[in-house]
Amino acid sequence: MGLIGGKWKTVILFHLRNDTLRYNELRKEMPTVTERTLSLQLKTLEEDGIIKRKVYTSKPPLKVEYSLTDFGKTLIPVVQSIADWGHKTVHNNLDVSG
C-alpha cells in the first residue's frame, strides 16, 4: 500500500491501465486534482518504477507521455478490483437509499 496508497495514485493507475496518456489528458480525466499534486504523484510513481515517462524532444512543443511499466501492469488486477468494488458499492447505496 505504500507504493499506491493515497488519494490519487490508484486513480492515475486506473487511467493508465489501458492507455498511454499525456499530462493534459490525465488532467482532463482528473479535473479535481491540482497540477502540483498530479505532478508530484506522477514523479513518485515514476521513482517507484510503476509508471514510465517518455519525453519526445524532436520538435516543439515538448511532448511527454506516461504509461505503466511491466511492474506497474502487475497492479492492474488490484486497481480494477478496487474500481469494481467502488462501482458496486455506489450502486448498492443508490438502491438502498433510492
N, C-alpha and C. Protein backbone atom coordinates (compact mmCIF):
# COMPACT_ATOMS: atom_id res chain seq x y z
N MET A 1 0.83 -1.21 0.00
CA MET A 1 0.00 0.00 0.00
C MET A 1 0.86 1.25 0.00
N GLY A 2 2.09 1.13 0.47
CA GLY A 2 2.98 2.28 0.47
C GLY A 2 3.24 2.81 -0.92
N LEU A 3 3.25 1.93 -1.91
CA LEU A 3 3.52 2.35 -3.28
C LEU A 3 2.33 2.99 -3.97
N ILE A 4 1.12 2.54 -3.64
CA ILE A 4 -0.05 3.06 -4.35
C ILE A 4 -1.08 3.69 -3.42
N GLY A 5 -0.72 3.87 -2.14
CA GLY A 5 -1.65 4.48 -1.19
C GLY A 5 -1.88 5.95 -1.49
N GLY A 6 -2.84 6.52 -0.84
CA GLY A 6 -3.15 7.92 -1.05
C GLY A 6 -4.34 8.09 -1.97
N LYS A 7 -4.75 9.32 -2.11
CA LYS A 7 -5.97 9.62 -2.84
C LYS A 7 -5.83 9.49 -4.36
N TRP A 8 -4.67 9.80 -4.92
CA TRP A 8 -4.58 9.95 -6.36
C TRP A 8 -3.84 8.86 -7.11
N LYS A 9 -2.96 8.13 -6.44
CA LYS A 9 -2.14 7.17 -7.17
C LYS A 9 -2.98 6.09 -7.86
N THR A 10 -3.94 5.53 -7.16
CA THR A 10 -4.76 4.49 -7.79
C THR A 10 -5.61 5.07 -8.93
N VAL A 11 -6.00 6.33 -8.80
CA VAL A 11 -6.77 6.97 -9.87
C VAL A 11 -5.90 7.12 -11.11
N ILE A 12 -4.66 7.54 -10.92
CA ILE A 12 -3.72 7.67 -12.04
C ILE A 12 -3.52 6.30 -12.69
N LEU A 13 -3.28 5.28 -11.88
CA LEU A 13 -3.07 3.94 -12.42
C LEU A 13 -4.30 3.43 -13.16
N PHE A 14 -5.48 3.74 -12.64
CA PHE A 14 -6.72 3.35 -13.31
C PHE A 14 -6.78 3.93 -14.72
N HIS A 15 -6.43 5.20 -14.85
CA HIS A 15 -6.50 5.84 -16.16
C HIS A 15 -5.39 5.38 -17.11
N LEU A 16 -4.30 4.88 -16.56
CA LEU A 16 -3.20 4.41 -17.40
C LEU A 16 -3.28 2.90 -17.67
N ARG A 17 -4.27 2.22 -17.10
CA ARG A 17 -4.31 0.76 -17.20
C ARG A 17 -4.43 0.26 -18.64
N ASN A 18 -5.08 1.02 -19.51
CA ASN A 18 -5.25 0.59 -20.90
C ASN A 18 -4.57 1.49 -21.91
N ASP A 19 -4.10 2.65 -21.46
CA ASP A 19 -3.62 3.66 -22.40
C ASP A 19 -2.33 4.33 -21.94
N THR A 20 -1.61 4.85 -22.90
CA THR A 20 -0.53 5.80 -22.66
C THR A 20 -1.17 7.16 -22.79
N LEU A 21 -0.96 8.03 -21.79
CA LEU A 21 -1.61 9.33 -21.79
C LEU A 21 -0.59 10.45 -21.60
N ARG A 22 -0.88 11.58 -22.19
CA ARG A 22 -0.09 12.78 -21.96
C ARG A 22 -0.59 13.44 -20.68
N TYR A 23 0.23 14.33 -20.15
CA TYR A 23 -0.09 15.01 -18.89
C TYR A 23 -1.47 15.66 -18.95
N ASN A 24 -1.72 16.43 -20.01
CA ASN A 24 -3.01 17.13 -20.12
C ASN A 24 -4.19 16.18 -20.26
N GLU A 25 -3.97 15.02 -20.86
CA GLU A 25 -5.04 14.02 -20.95
C GLU A 25 -5.37 13.48 -19.55
N LEU A 26 -4.35 13.27 -18.74
CA LEU A 26 -4.59 12.85 -17.35
C LEU A 26 -5.34 13.94 -16.59
N ARG A 27 -4.95 15.18 -16.79
CA ARG A 27 -5.62 16.30 -16.11
C ARG A 27 -7.11 16.34 -16.48
N LYS A 28 -7.44 16.08 -17.73
CA LYS A 28 -8.85 16.08 -18.16
C LYS A 28 -9.62 14.94 -17.50
N GLU A 29 -8.96 13.81 -17.30
CA GLU A 29 -9.61 12.66 -16.66
C GLU A 29 -9.79 12.88 -15.16
N MET A 30 -8.97 13.77 -14.59
CA MET A 30 -8.97 14.00 -13.15
C MET A 30 -9.09 15.51 -12.88
N PRO A 31 -10.26 16.09 -13.18
CA PRO A 31 -10.38 17.55 -13.12
C PRO A 31 -10.23 18.16 -11.73
N THR A 32 -10.38 17.39 -10.67
CA THR A 32 -10.31 17.97 -9.32
C THR A 32 -8.91 17.91 -8.72
N VAL A 33 -7.97 17.23 -9.37
CA VAL A 33 -6.61 17.18 -8.84
C VAL A 33 -5.88 18.47 -9.23
N THR A 34 -5.05 18.97 -8.31
CA THR A 34 -4.28 20.16 -8.65
C THR A 34 -3.08 19.76 -9.51
N GLU A 35 -2.56 20.72 -10.27
CA GLU A 35 -1.40 20.43 -11.12
C GLU A 35 -0.22 19.99 -10.28
N ARG A 36 0.00 20.64 -9.15
CA ARG A 36 1.12 20.30 -8.28
C ARG A 36 1.00 18.87 -7.77
N THR A 37 -0.19 18.50 -7.31
CA THR A 37 -0.41 17.15 -6.79
C THR A 37 -0.21 16.12 -7.88
N LEU A 38 -0.77 16.36 -9.05
CA LEU A 38 -0.61 15.41 -10.15
C LEU A 38 0.86 15.24 -10.50
N SER A 39 1.57 16.34 -10.62
CA SER A 39 3.00 16.28 -10.94
C SER A 39 3.79 15.49 -9.90
N LEU A 40 3.51 15.76 -8.62
CA LEU A 40 4.22 15.05 -7.54
C LEU A 40 3.89 13.56 -7.54
N GLN A 41 2.62 13.23 -7.75
CA GLN A 41 2.22 11.82 -7.75
C GLN A 41 2.84 11.07 -8.94
N LEU A 42 2.87 11.71 -10.10
CA LEU A 42 3.50 11.10 -11.27
C LEU A 42 4.99 10.87 -11.03
N LYS A 43 5.63 11.85 -10.44
CA LYS A 43 7.06 11.73 -10.14
C LYS A 43 7.32 10.58 -9.17
N THR A 44 6.52 10.48 -8.14
CA THR A 44 6.67 9.40 -7.16
C THR A 44 6.44 8.03 -7.80
N LEU A 45 5.38 7.91 -8.60
CA LEU A 45 5.10 6.65 -9.28
C LEU A 45 6.23 6.26 -10.23
N GLU A 46 6.82 7.26 -10.87
CA GLU A 46 7.95 7.00 -11.76
C GLU A 46 9.17 6.54 -10.95
N GLU A 47 9.46 7.22 -9.86
CA GLU A 47 10.59 6.85 -9.00
C GLU A 47 10.44 5.44 -8.44
N ASP A 48 9.20 5.03 -8.19
CA ASP A 48 8.93 3.69 -7.65
C ASP A 48 8.88 2.62 -8.73
N GLY A 49 9.07 3.02 -9.99
CA GLY A 49 9.12 2.06 -11.09
C GLY A 49 7.76 1.55 -11.53
N ILE A 50 6.70 2.27 -11.20
CA ILE A 50 5.34 1.84 -11.54
C ILE A 50 4.90 2.41 -12.89
N ILE A 51 5.30 3.64 -13.16
CA ILE A 51 5.00 4.24 -14.45
C ILE A 51 6.30 4.68 -15.11
N LYS A 52 6.23 4.84 -16.43
CA LYS A 52 7.38 5.39 -17.14
C LYS A 52 6.97 6.66 -17.85
N ARG A 53 7.92 7.55 -17.94
CA ARG A 53 7.72 8.86 -18.55
C ARG A 53 8.60 8.93 -19.78
N LYS A 54 7.99 9.17 -20.91
CA LYS A 54 8.74 9.25 -22.16
C LYS A 54 8.62 10.67 -22.69
N VAL A 55 9.76 11.30 -22.93
CA VAL A 55 9.80 12.67 -23.42
C VAL A 55 10.22 12.67 -24.88
N TYR A 56 9.44 13.33 -25.70
CA TYR A 56 9.75 13.50 -27.11
C TYR A 56 10.26 14.93 -27.30
N THR A 57 11.51 15.05 -27.72
CA THR A 57 12.10 16.39 -27.86
C THR A 57 12.45 16.71 -29.31
N SER A 58 12.05 15.86 -30.24
CA SER A 58 12.46 16.05 -31.63
C SER A 58 11.94 17.35 -32.25
N LYS A 59 10.76 17.75 -31.85
CA LYS A 59 10.22 19.01 -32.37
C LYS A 59 9.34 19.67 -31.32
N PRO A 60 9.35 20.99 -31.26
CA PRO A 60 8.47 21.68 -30.30
C PRO A 60 7.01 21.51 -30.69
N PRO A 61 6.08 21.57 -29.78
CA PRO A 61 6.29 21.67 -28.33
C PRO A 61 6.70 20.32 -27.74
N LEU A 62 7.32 20.38 -26.58
CA LEU A 62 7.74 19.19 -25.87
C LEU A 62 6.54 18.29 -25.61
N LYS A 63 6.71 17.00 -25.83
CA LYS A 63 5.62 16.04 -25.64
C LYS A 63 6.08 15.01 -24.61
N VAL A 64 5.27 14.81 -23.57
CA VAL A 64 5.58 13.84 -22.52
C VAL A 64 4.41 12.88 -22.40
N GLU A 65 4.72 11.59 -22.42
CA GLU A 65 3.69 10.55 -22.27
C GLU A 65 3.99 9.70 -21.06
N TYR A 66 2.92 9.24 -20.42
CA TYR A 66 3.03 8.36 -19.25
C TYR A 66 2.35 7.04 -19.56
N SER A 67 2.98 5.97 -19.11
CA SER A 67 2.40 4.63 -19.28
C SER A 67 2.87 3.76 -18.13
N LEU A 68 2.24 2.60 -17.99
CA LEU A 68 2.63 1.67 -16.94
C LEU A 68 3.88 0.89 -17.36
N THR A 69 4.75 0.64 -16.40
CA THR A 69 5.87 -0.26 -16.64
C THR A 69 5.35 -1.69 -16.53
N ASP A 70 6.20 -2.66 -16.82
CA ASP A 70 5.79 -4.06 -16.63
C ASP A 70 5.41 -4.30 -15.18
N PHE A 71 6.18 -3.73 -14.25
CA PHE A 71 5.86 -3.85 -12.83
C PHE A 71 4.51 -3.19 -12.53
N GLY A 72 4.29 -2.00 -13.11
CA GLY A 72 3.03 -1.30 -12.90
C GLY A 72 1.84 -2.09 -13.42
N LYS A 73 2.05 -2.81 -14.53
CA LYS A 73 0.96 -3.62 -15.10
C LYS A 73 0.53 -4.74 -14.17
N THR A 74 1.42 -5.17 -13.27
CA THR A 74 1.04 -6.22 -12.31
C THR A 74 0.00 -5.71 -11.32
N LEU A 75 -0.16 -4.38 -11.23
CA LEU A 75 -1.14 -3.79 -10.32
C LEU A 75 -2.53 -3.64 -10.94
N ILE A 76 -2.64 -3.87 -12.25
CA ILE A 76 -3.94 -3.69 -12.92
C ILE A 76 -5.06 -4.50 -12.26
N PRO A 77 -4.87 -5.79 -11.95
CA PRO A 77 -5.97 -6.53 -11.31
C PRO A 77 -6.38 -5.92 -9.97
N VAL A 78 -5.43 -5.41 -9.20
CA VAL A 78 -5.74 -4.79 -7.91
C VAL A 78 -6.53 -3.51 -8.12
N VAL A 79 -6.06 -2.67 -9.02
CA VAL A 79 -6.72 -1.39 -9.30
C VAL A 79 -8.12 -1.64 -9.87
N GLN A 80 -8.25 -2.62 -10.77
CA GLN A 80 -9.55 -2.93 -11.35
C GLN A 80 -10.51 -3.46 -10.29
N SER A 81 -10.00 -4.26 -9.36
CA SER A 81 -10.85 -4.77 -8.27
C SER A 81 -11.35 -3.63 -7.39
N ILE A 82 -10.49 -2.68 -7.10
CA ILE A 82 -10.89 -1.51 -6.30
C ILE A 82 -11.97 -0.72 -7.05
N ALA A 83 -11.76 -0.52 -8.36
CA ALA A 83 -12.75 0.21 -9.16
C ALA A 83 -14.08 -0.53 -9.21
N ASP A 84 -14.02 -1.85 -9.40
CA ASP A 84 -15.26 -2.65 -9.43
C ASP A 84 -15.99 -2.58 -8.10
N TRP A 85 -15.23 -2.68 -7.01
CA TRP A 85 -15.82 -2.60 -5.67
C TRP A 85 -16.50 -1.24 -5.48
N GLY A 86 -15.82 -0.17 -5.87
CA GLY A 86 -16.38 1.17 -5.73
C GLY A 86 -17.65 1.34 -6.55
N HIS A 87 -17.63 0.83 -7.78
CA HIS A 87 -18.80 0.91 -8.65
C HIS A 87 -19.97 0.15 -8.03
N LYS A 88 -19.71 -1.05 -7.54
CA LYS A 88 -20.76 -1.87 -6.92
C LYS A 88 -21.29 -1.20 -5.66
N THR A 89 -20.40 -0.65 -4.85
CA THR A 89 -20.81 0.00 -3.60
C THR A 89 -21.69 1.20 -3.87
N VAL A 90 -21.33 2.00 -4.85
CA VAL A 90 -22.13 3.18 -5.19
C VAL A 90 -23.52 2.75 -5.65
N HIS A 91 -23.58 1.73 -6.51
CA HIS A 91 -24.89 1.28 -7.00
C HIS A 91 -25.72 0.65 -5.88
N ASN A 92 -25.10 -0.10 -4.98
CA ASN A 92 -25.84 -0.69 -3.86
C ASN A 92 -26.37 0.40 -2.95
N ASN A 93 -25.58 1.44 -2.69
CA ASN A 93 -26.04 2.54 -1.84
C ASN A 93 -27.16 3.31 -2.50
N LEU A 94 -27.12 3.47 -3.81
CA LEU A 94 -28.20 4.15 -4.51
C LEU A 94 -29.49 3.32 -4.45
N ASP A 95 -29.34 1.99 -4.57
CA ASP A 95 -30.52 1.14 -4.50
C ASP A 95 -31.17 1.19 -3.11
N VAL A 96 -30.36 1.22 -2.06
CA VAL A 96 -30.87 1.23 -0.70
C VAL A 96 -31.52 2.56 -0.39
N SER A 97 -30.87 3.67 -0.79
CA SER A 97 -31.41 4.98 -0.43
C SER A 97 -32.42 5.49 -1.45
N GLY A 98 -32.42 4.89 -2.65
CA GLY A 98 -33.30 5.39 -3.70
C GLY A 98 -34.58 4.75 -3.65
